[in-house]
C-alpha cells in the first residue's frame, strides 16, 4: 500500500492530488506511448503517482525522476523496490536541471510546485511556484521537450501559463480537469493571501473551498494538430 507516515511539513502528502496526477499520467501519456520512448519527471516526491500509473498500465518503458527532498526520495526508492518497478522507474536524489536527461527525453512529466507566495518561506519551501505560482511550470516549458504533461492549478495564473506555452510553440493536445478542495498547503495564510491577491488581479480562479486542477498535455504544435488551449482556458476560469 502506498502510504506516508511522515509529517506534512516534511514530505508532500495529498492523496486526492496524487491520485489525479496518476490518472492524468495514465490516460494522457502512458496509454498512448510507445515503451521505447524516453520519459523524465521533475519532482517525483515519494513516487506514488507514477507507481500507481505504471501498475495500472502495460507501459514497459523507463521513467527517470528527480527529487531534491531526501526524505521523499528514500520513500520513493523503497516503494519502487516494494512493487518491483526498479527496471521501469528510477528516482534520483539530485537536481533535475543539473542532469542532461531532459535533453534526450521525448516527454517531460511533472506535478510542479505551484503554490504562489512572495518567497519560499512556507510550510514546504520546495512547493513554492513563484509569486504567481506558475514560475517552475514555465521553466519546464522553456526546455523544449516534444511533449510536456503538467498539473495546472486554476489559482496559479493558468491563462498566463497556457499563453506562455503557446508562445513557445506548444499546443494543448489533451487535458483532464478535477475539482479539489483547498488543503493543508494551500490553506497556509501566507499562500492563501497570495491567492486572494491574484484573484483580485484576474489571475486566480476558485470558489470558497474549491479550485480546479488540470492535467495538461502540451505538445509541440504541428500544422494539422488540434489545439484545445481556448477550451481549457474557458474551463479553468469558470469558478
C-alpha atoms as a PDB file:
ATOM      1  CA  UNK A   1       0.000   0.000   0.000  1.00  0.00           C
ATOM      2  CA  UNK A   2       1.311   3.433  -0.939  1.00  0.00           C
ATOM      3  CA  UNK A   3       1.318   5.477   2.237  1.00  0.00           C
ATOM      4  CA  UNK A   4       3.406   8.030   4.086  1.00  0.00           C
ATOM      5  CA  UNK A   5       3.592   8.455   7.857  1.00  0.00           C
ATOM      6  CA  UNK A   6       5.920  11.446   7.689  1.00  0.00           C
ATOM      7  CA  UNK A   7       4.847  14.952   8.859  1.00  0.00           C
ATOM      8  CA  UNK A   8       3.133  17.072   6.204  1.00  0.00           C
ATOM      9  CA  UNK A   9       5.843  19.713   6.556  1.00  0.00           C
ATOM     10  CA  UNK A  10       8.490  17.116   5.711  1.00  0.00           C
ATOM     11  CA  UNK A  11       7.001  15.209   2.764  1.00  0.00           C
ATOM     12  CA  UNK A  12       4.219  16.377   0.426  1.00  0.00           C
ATOM     13  CA  UNK A  13       1.116  14.275   1.019  1.00  0.00           C
ATOM     14  CA  UNK A  14      -2.231  14.866  -0.664  1.00  0.00           C
ATOM     15  CA  UNK A  15      -3.916  11.616  -1.757  1.00  0.00           C
ATOM     16  CA  UNK A  16      -6.534  13.330  -3.943  1.00  0.00           C
ATOM     17  CA  UNK A  17      -3.963  15.339  -5.880  1.00  0.00           C
ATOM     18  CA  UNK A  18      -1.579  12.400  -6.212  1.00  0.00           C
ATOM     19  CA  UNK A  19      -4.390  10.161  -7.484  1.00  0.00           C
ATOM     20  CA  UNK A  20      -5.358  12.735 -10.101  1.00  0.00           C
ATOM     21  CA  UNK A  21      -1.753  13.104 -11.253  1.00  0.00           C
ATOM     22  CA  UNK A  22      -1.551   9.306 -11.572  1.00  0.00           C
ATOM     23  CA  UNK A  23      -4.807   9.225 -13.555  1.00  0.00           C
ATOM     24  CA  UNK A  24      -3.649  12.017 -15.887  1.00  0.00           C
ATOM     25  CA  UNK A  25      -0.306  10.320 -16.451  1.00  0.00           C
ATOM     26  CA  UNK A  26      -2.023   7.035 -17.189  1.00  0.00           C
ATOM     27  CA  UNK A  27      -4.648   8.369 -19.606  1.00  0.00           C
ATOM     28  CA  UNK A  28      -2.719  11.171 -21.332  1.00  0.00           C
ATOM     29  CA  UNK A  29       0.769   9.662 -21.594  1.00  0.00           C
ATOM     30  CA  UNK A  30       1.336   6.013 -20.696  1.00  0.00           C
ATOM     31  CA  UNK A  31      -1.674   4.568 -22.524  1.00  0.00           C
ATOM     32  CA  UNK A  32      -0.623   6.346 -25.710  1.00  0.00           C
ATOM     33  CA  UNK A  33       3.173   5.977 -25.511  1.00  0.00           C
ATOM     34  CA  UNK A  34       5.487   3.511 -27.161  1.00  0.00           C
ATOM     35  CA  UNK A  35       7.576   1.802 -24.467  1.00  0.00           C
ATOM     36  CA  UNK A  36      10.718   2.823 -26.320  1.00  0.00           C
ATOM     37  CA  UNK A  37      10.010   6.493 -25.663  1.00  0.00           C
ATOM     38  CA  UNK A  38      12.025   8.311 -23.006  1.00  0.00           C
ATOM     39  CA  UNK A  39      10.128   9.954 -20.118  1.00  0.00           C
ATOM     40  CA  UNK A  40      11.652  12.177 -17.420  1.00  0.00           C
ATOM     41  CA  UNK A  41       9.948  13.530 -14.321  1.00  0.00           C
ATOM     42  CA  UNK A  42      10.610  16.731 -12.410  1.00  0.00           C
ATOM     43  CA  UNK A  43       9.826  16.491  -8.691  1.00  0.00           C
ATOM     44  CA  UNK A  44       8.954  12.836  -8.090  1.00  0.00           C
ATOM     45  CA  UNK A  45       8.059  13.301  -4.422  1.00  0.00           C
ATOM     46  CA  UNK A  46       7.528   9.956  -2.699  1.00  0.00           C
ATOM     47  CA  UNK A  47       6.818   8.352  -6.068  1.00  0.00           C
ATOM     48  CA  UNK A  48       3.272   7.099  -5.566  1.00  0.00           C
ATOM     49  CA  UNK A  49       1.610   8.755  -8.622  1.00  0.00           C
ATOM     50  CA  UNK A  50       3.991   7.200 -11.151  1.00  0.00           C
ATOM     51  CA  UNK A  51       3.978   3.864  -9.325  1.00  0.00           C
ATOM     52  CA  UNK A  52       0.166   3.735  -9.418  1.00  0.00           C
ATOM     53  CA  UNK A  53       0.080   4.654 -13.105  1.00  0.00           C
ATOM     54  CA  UNK A  54       2.680   2.025 -14.002  1.00  0.00           C
ATOM     55  CA  UNK A  55       0.832  -0.681 -12.085  1.00  0.00           C
ATOM     56  CA  UNK A  56      -2.387   0.086 -13.979  1.00  0.00           C
ATOM     57  CA  UNK A  57      -0.939   0.185 -17.491  1.00  0.00           C
ATOM     58  CA  UNK A  58       1.028  -2.066 -19.800  1.00  0.00           C
ATOM     59  CA  UNK A  59       3.729   0.561 -20.309  1.00  0.00           C
ATOM     60  CA  UNK A  60       7.113  -1.167 -20.113  1.00  0.00           C
ATOM     61  CA  UNK A  61       9.431   1.753 -20.799  1.00  0.00           C
ATOM     62  CA  UNK A  62      11.551   3.672 -18.324  1.00  0.00           C
ATOM     63  CA  UNK A  63      10.728   6.818 -16.380  1.00  0.00           C
ATOM     64  CA  UNK A  64      13.627   8.719 -14.829  1.00  0.00           C
ATOM     65  CA  UNK A  65      12.611  11.004 -11.980  1.00  0.00           C
ATOM     66  CA  UNK A  66      14.395  13.628  -9.906  1.00  0.00           C
ATOM     67  CA  UNK A  67      13.599  14.626  -6.319  1.00  0.00           C
ATOM     68  CA  UNK A  68      15.567  17.031  -4.100  1.00  0.00           C
ATOM     69  CA  UNK A  69      13.752  16.176  -0.851  1.00  0.00           C
ATOM     70  CA  UNK A  70      15.954  13.470   0.662  1.00  0.00           C
ATOM     71  CA  UNK A  71      13.193  12.008   2.829  1.00  0.00           C
ATOM     72  CA  UNK A  72      10.725  11.819  -0.072  1.00  0.00           C
ATOM     73  CA  UNK A  73      13.411  10.248  -2.265  1.00  0.00           C
ATOM     74  CA  UNK A  74      14.053   7.494   0.295  1.00  0.00           C
ATOM     75  CA  UNK A  75      10.319   6.706   0.447  1.00  0.00           C
ATOM     76  CA  UNK A  76      10.123   6.626  -3.355  1.00  0.00           C
ATOM     77  CA  UNK A  77      13.096   4.298  -3.608  1.00  0.00           C
ATOM     78  CA  UNK A  78      11.626   1.913  -1.014  1.00  0.00           C
ATOM     79  CA  UNK A  79       8.210   1.867  -2.696  1.00  0.00           C
ATOM     80  CA  UNK A  80       9.670   1.302  -6.149  1.00  0.00           C
ATOM     81  CA  UNK A  81      11.543  -1.731  -4.828  1.00  0.00           C
ATOM     82  CA  UNK A  82       8.488  -2.973  -2.924  1.00  0.00           C
ATOM     83  CA  UNK A  83       6.384  -3.032  -6.091  1.00  0.00           C
ATOM     84  CA  UNK A  84       9.123  -4.493  -8.263  1.00  0.00           C
ATOM     85  CA  UNK A  85       9.384  -1.487 -10.560  1.00  0.00           C
ATOM     86  CA  UNK A  86      13.105  -0.772 -10.318  1.00  0.00           C
ATOM     87  CA  UNK A  87      13.526  -1.574 -14.028  1.00  0.00           C
ATOM     88  CA  UNK A  88      10.797   0.899 -15.015  1.00  0.00           C
ATOM     89  CA  UNK A  89      11.104   3.783 -12.564  1.00  0.00           C
ATOM     90  CA  UNK A  90      14.328   5.328 -11.315  1.00  0.00           C
ATOM     91  CA  UNK A  91      14.274   8.348  -8.981  1.00  0.00           C
ATOM     92  CA  UNK A  92      17.481  10.274  -8.380  1.00  0.00           C
ATOM     93  CA  UNK A  93      18.151  12.456  -5.337  1.00  0.00           C
ATOM     94  CA  UNK A  94      19.601  15.264  -7.434  1.00  0.00           C
ATOM     95  CA  UNK A  95      18.648  18.392  -9.343  1.00  0.00           C
ATOM     96  CA  UNK A  96      16.615  17.847 -12.493  1.00  0.00           C
ATOM     97  CA  UNK A  97      18.132  20.913 -14.134  1.00  0.00           C
ATOM     98  CA  UNK A  98      21.700  19.722 -13.496  1.00  0.00           C
ATOM     99  CA  UNK A  99      21.080  16.498 -15.422  1.00  0.00           C
ATOM    100  CA  UNK A 100      21.214  16.171 -19.225  1.00  0.00           C
ATOM    101  CA  UNK A 101      18.323  13.648 -19.081  1.00  0.00           C
ATOM    102  CA  UNK A 102      15.651  16.108 -20.262  1.00  0.00           C
ATOM    103  CA  UNK A 103      17.689  16.951 -23.353  1.00  0.00           C
ATOM    104  CA  UNK A 104      17.229  13.429 -24.716  1.00  0.00           C
ATOM    105  CA  UNK A 105      13.687  12.883 -23.396  1.00  0.00           C
ATOM    106  CA  UNK A 106      10.621  12.568 -25.603  1.00  0.00           C
ATOM    107  CA  UNK A 107       8.272  13.544 -22.780  1.00  0.00           C
ATOM    108  CA  UNK A 108       8.583  15.515 -19.556  1.00  0.00           C
ATOM    109  CA  UNK A 109       6.043  14.918 -16.778  1.00  0.00           C
ATOM    110  CA  UNK A 110       5.535  16.823 -13.548  1.00  0.00           C
ATOM    111  CA  UNK A 111       3.182  17.903 -10.825  1.00  0.00           C
ATOM    112  CA  UNK A 112       5.303  21.025 -10.402  1.00  0.00           C
ATOM    113  CA  UNK A 113       5.356  23.307  -7.353  1.00  0.00           C
ATOM    114  CA  UNK A 114       2.506  25.784  -7.876  1.00  0.00           C
ATOM    115  CA  UNK A 115       1.908  27.490  -4.529  1.00  0.00           C
ATOM    116  CA  UNK A 116       2.053  31.268  -5.013  1.00  0.00           C
ATOM    117  CA  UNK A 117       3.800  33.335  -2.349  1.00  0.00           C
ATOM    118  CA  UNK A 118       6.150  36.296  -2.111  1.00  0.00           C
ATOM    119  CA  UNK A 119       9.011  33.922  -1.179  1.00  0.00           C
ATOM    120  CA  UNK A 120       9.605  30.286  -0.316  1.00  0.00           C
ATOM    121  CA  UNK A 121       9.349  30.726   3.446  1.00  0.00           C
ATOM    122  CA  UNK A 122       6.272  28.458   3.589  1.00  0.00           C
ATOM    123  CA  UNK A 123       5.441  25.085   5.152  1.00  0.00           C
ATOM    124  CA  UNK A 124       7.296  23.265   2.377  1.00  0.00           C
ATOM    125  CA  UNK A 125       9.714  25.577   0.508  1.00  0.00           C
ATOM    126  CA  UNK A 126      10.024  23.111  -2.395  1.00  0.00           C
ATOM    127  CA  UNK A 127       6.310  23.616  -3.160  1.00  0.00           C
ATOM    128  CA  UNK A 128       6.845  27.313  -3.937  1.00  0.00           C
ATOM    129  CA  UNK A 129       5.968  28.134  -7.549  1.00  0.00           C
ATOM    130  CA  UNK A 130       6.973  31.788  -7.549  1.00  0.00           C
ATOM    131  CA  UNK A 131       4.895  34.885  -6.883  1.00  0.00           C
ATOM    132  CA  UNK A 132       2.044  33.750  -9.162  1.00  0.00           C
ATOM    133  CA  UNK A 133       2.585  30.001  -8.795  1.00  0.00           C
ATOM    134  CA  UNK A 134       3.477  29.354 -12.442  1.00  0.00           C
ATOM    135  CA  UNK A 135       7.224  30.014 -12.328  1.00  0.00           C
ATOM    136  CA  UNK A 136       8.504  26.430 -12.234  1.00  0.00           C
ATOM    137  CA  UNK A 137       5.953  25.256 -14.810  1.00  0.00           C
ATOM    138  CA  UNK A 138       7.142  27.980 -17.200  1.00  0.00           C
ATOM    139  CA  UNK A 139      10.745  26.957 -16.588  1.00  0.00           C
ATOM    140  CA  UNK A 140       9.883  23.379 -17.551  1.00  0.00           C
ATOM    141  CA  UNK A 141       8.094  24.520 -20.710  1.00  0.00           C
ATOM    142  CA  UNK A 142      11.149  26.536 -21.711  1.00  0.00           C
ATOM    143  CA  UNK A 143      13.254  23.361 -22.041  1.00  0.00           C
ATOM    144  CA  UNK A 144      11.715  22.456 -25.392  1.00  0.00           C
ATOM    145  CA  UNK A 145      10.701  18.814 -24.837  1.00  0.00           C
ATOM    146  CA  UNK A 146       8.386  17.463 -27.538  1.00  0.00           C
ATOM    147  CA  UNK A 147       5.643  16.596 -25.021  1.00  0.00           C
ATOM    148  CA  UNK A 148       5.097  18.018 -21.540  1.00  0.00           C
ATOM    149  CA  UNK A 149       2.489  16.827 -19.051  1.00  0.00           C
ATOM    150  CA  UNK A 150       1.895  19.344 -16.271  1.00  0.00           C
ATOM    151  CA  UNK A 151      -0.583  19.728 -13.439  1.00  0.00           C
ATOM    152  CA  UNK A 152      -2.000  23.250 -13.792  1.00  0.00           C
ATOM    153  CA  UNK A 153      -3.865  24.954 -10.951  1.00  0.00           C
ATOM    154  CA  UNK A 154      -6.707  27.411 -11.508  1.00  0.00           C
ATOM    155  CA  UNK A 155      -5.320  29.679  -8.765  1.00  0.00           C
ATOM    156  CA  UNK A 156      -1.790  29.885 -10.206  1.00  0.00           C
ATOM    157  CA  UNK A 157      -2.246  32.186 -13.212  1.00  0.00           C
ATOM    158  CA  UNK A 158      -3.408  29.412 -15.603  1.00  0.00           C
ATOM    159  CA  UNK A 159      -4.157  31.752 -18.520  1.00  0.00           C
ATOM    160  CA  UNK A 160      -0.682  33.242 -18.361  1.00  0.00           C
ATOM    161  CA  UNK A 161       0.863  29.788 -18.247  1.00  0.00           C
ATOM    162  CA  UNK A 162      -1.107  28.485 -21.229  1.00  0.00           C
ATOM    163  CA  UNK A 163      -0.283  31.596 -23.242  1.00  0.00           C
ATOM    164  CA  UNK A 164       3.387  31.148 -22.305  1.00  0.00           C
ATOM    165  CA  UNK A 165       3.267  27.588 -23.653  1.00  0.00           C
ATOM    166  CA  UNK A 166       1.624  28.728 -26.885  1.00  0.00           C
ATOM    167  CA  UNK A 167       4.276  31.421 -27.341  1.00  0.00           C
ATOM    168  CA  UNK A 168       6.901  28.670 -27.186  1.00  0.00           C
ATOM    169  CA  UNK A 169       5.317  26.602 -29.901  1.00  0.00           C
ATOM    170  CA  UNK A 170       3.139  24.291 -27.809  1.00  0.00           C
ATOM    171  CA  UNK A 171      -0.495  23.378 -28.321  1.00  0.00           C
ATOM    172  CA  UNK A 172      -2.781  21.824 -25.717  1.00  0.00           C
ATOM    173  CA  UNK A 173      -3.124  18.325 -27.162  1.00  0.00           C
ATOM    174  CA  UNK A 174      -5.370  16.948 -24.405  1.00  0.00           C
ATOM    175  CA  UNK A 175      -6.344  17.553 -20.797  1.00  0.00           C
ATOM    176  CA  UNK A 176      -8.262  16.288 -17.762  1.00  0.00           C
ATOM    177  CA  UNK A 177      -9.795  18.507 -15.046  1.00  0.00           C
ATOM    178  CA  UNK A 178     -10.757  17.722 -11.451  1.00  0.00           C
ATOM    179  CA  UNK A 179     -12.158  19.891  -8.625  1.00  0.00           C
ATOM    180  CA  UNK A 180     -10.073  19.801  -5.451  1.00  0.00           C
ATOM    181  CA  UNK A 181     -10.602  21.308  -2.020  1.00  0.00           C
ATOM    182  CA  UNK A 182      -8.049  23.652  -0.507  1.00  0.00           C
ATOM    183  CA  UNK A 183      -5.794  21.548   1.684  1.00  0.00           C
ATOM    184  CA  UNK A 184      -3.018  21.848   4.230  1.00  0.00           C
ATOM    185  CA  UNK A 185      -0.508  23.587   1.980  1.00  0.00           C
ATOM    186  CA  UNK A 186      -2.814  25.874   0.006  1.00  0.00           C
ATOM    187  CA  UNK A 187      -4.619  26.948   3.184  1.00  0.00           C
ATOM    188  CA  UNK A 188      -1.464  28.322   4.810  1.00  0.00           C
ATOM    189  CA  UNK A 189      -2.263  32.016   5.479  1.00  0.00           C
ATOM    190  CA  UNK A 190       0.710  33.306   3.510  1.00  0.00           C
ATOM    191  CA  UNK A 191      -0.263  31.240   0.493  1.00  0.00           C
ATOM    192  CA  UNK A 192      -3.990  31.941   0.817  1.00  0.00           C
ATOM    193  CA  UNK A 193      -3.298  35.686   0.941  1.00  0.00           C
ATOM    194  CA  UNK A 194      -1.217  35.452  -2.237  1.00  0.00           C
ATOM    195  CA  UNK A 195      -4.001  33.509  -3.956  1.00  0.00           C
ATOM    196  CA  UNK A 196      -6.505  36.171  -2.908  1.00  0.00           C
ATOM    197  CA  UNK A 197      -4.321  38.926  -4.358  1.00  0.00           C
ATOM    198  CA  UNK A 198      -4.009  37.014  -7.639  1.00  0.00           C
ATOM    199  CA  UNK A 199      -7.785  36.697  -7.756  1.00  0.00           C
ATOM    200  CA  UNK A 200      -8.181  40.467  -7.457  1.00  0.00           C
ATOM    201  CA  UNK A 201      -5.779  40.806 -10.386  1.00  0.00           C
ATOM    202  CA  UNK A 202      -7.784  38.339 -12.511  1.00  0.00           C
ATOM    203  CA  UNK A 203      -5.050  35.686 -12.293  1.00  0.00           C
ATOM    204  CA  UNK A 204      -6.645  33.132  -9.921  1.00  0.00           C
ATOM    205  CA  UNK A 205      -9.995  31.362 -10.165  1.00  0.00           C
ATOM    206  CA  UNK A 206     -11.684  29.414  -7.368  1.00  0.00           C
ATOM    207  CA  UNK A 207     -14.802  29.231  -5.216  1.00  0.00           C
ATOM    208  CA  UNK A 208     -14.922  29.422  -1.428  1.00  0.00           C
ATOM    209  CA  UNK A 209     -13.404  25.967  -0.919  1.00  0.00           C
ATOM    210  CA  UNK A 210     -12.843  24.539  -4.424  1.00  0.00           C
ATOM    211  CA  UNK A 211     -10.213  25.098  -7.090  1.00  0.00           C
ATOM    212  CA  UNK A 212      -9.591  23.242 -10.336  1.00  0.00           C
ATOM    213  CA  UNK A 213      -6.548  21.178 -11.155  1.00  0.00           C
ATOM    214  CA  UNK A 214      -5.905  20.214 -14.761  1.00  0.00           C
ATOM    215  CA  UNK A 215      -3.598  17.562 -16.121  1.00  0.00           C
ATOM    216  CA  UNK A 216      -2.491  19.184 -19.364  1.00  0.00           C
ATOM    217  CA  UNK A 217      -0.572  17.529 -22.177  1.00  0.00           C
ATOM    218  CA  UNK A 218       1.321  20.191 -24.103  1.00  0.00           C
ATOM    219  CA  UNK A 219       2.757  19.113 -27.451  1.00  0.00           C
ATOM    220  CA  UNK A 220       4.961  20.918 -29.941  1.00  0.00           C
ATOM    221  CA  UNK A 221       2.484  22.285 -32.452  1.00  0.00           C
ATOM    222  CA  UNK A 222       2.095  20.873 -35.937  1.00  0.00           C
ATOM    223  CA  UNK A 223       0.051  22.448 -38.731  1.00  0.00           C
ATOM    224  CA  UNK A 224      -2.736  19.880 -38.653  1.00  0.00           C
ATOM    225  CA  UNK A 225      -2.809  19.488 -34.876  1.00  0.00           C
ATOM    226  CA  UNK A 226      -5.922  20.353 -32.885  1.00  0.00           C
ATOM    227  CA  UNK A 227      -5.262  22.950 -30.174  1.00  0.00           C
ATOM    228  CA  UNK A 228      -7.511  22.856 -27.096  1.00  0.00           C
ATOM    229  CA  UNK A 229      -5.964  25.947 -25.458  1.00  0.00           C
ATOM    230  CA  UNK A 230      -9.098  28.077 -25.736  1.00  0.00           C
ATOM    231  CA  UNK A 231     -11.367  25.377 -24.348  1.00  0.00           C
ATOM    232  CA  UNK A 232      -9.004  24.724 -21.449  1.00  0.00           C
ATOM    233  CA  UNK A 233      -8.735  28.407 -20.540  1.00  0.00           C
ATOM    234  CA  UNK A 234     -12.506  28.757 -20.592  1.00  0.00           C
ATOM    235  CA  UNK A 235     -12.948  25.841 -18.181  1.00  0.00           C
ATOM    236  CA  UNK A 236     -10.106  26.878 -15.876  1.00  0.00           C
ATOM    237  CA  UNK A 237     -11.540  30.363 -15.401  1.00  0.00           C
ATOM    238  CA  UNK A 238     -15.151  29.225 -14.794  1.00  0.00           C
ATOM    239  CA  UNK A 239     -15.086  29.377 -10.990  1.00  0.00           C
END
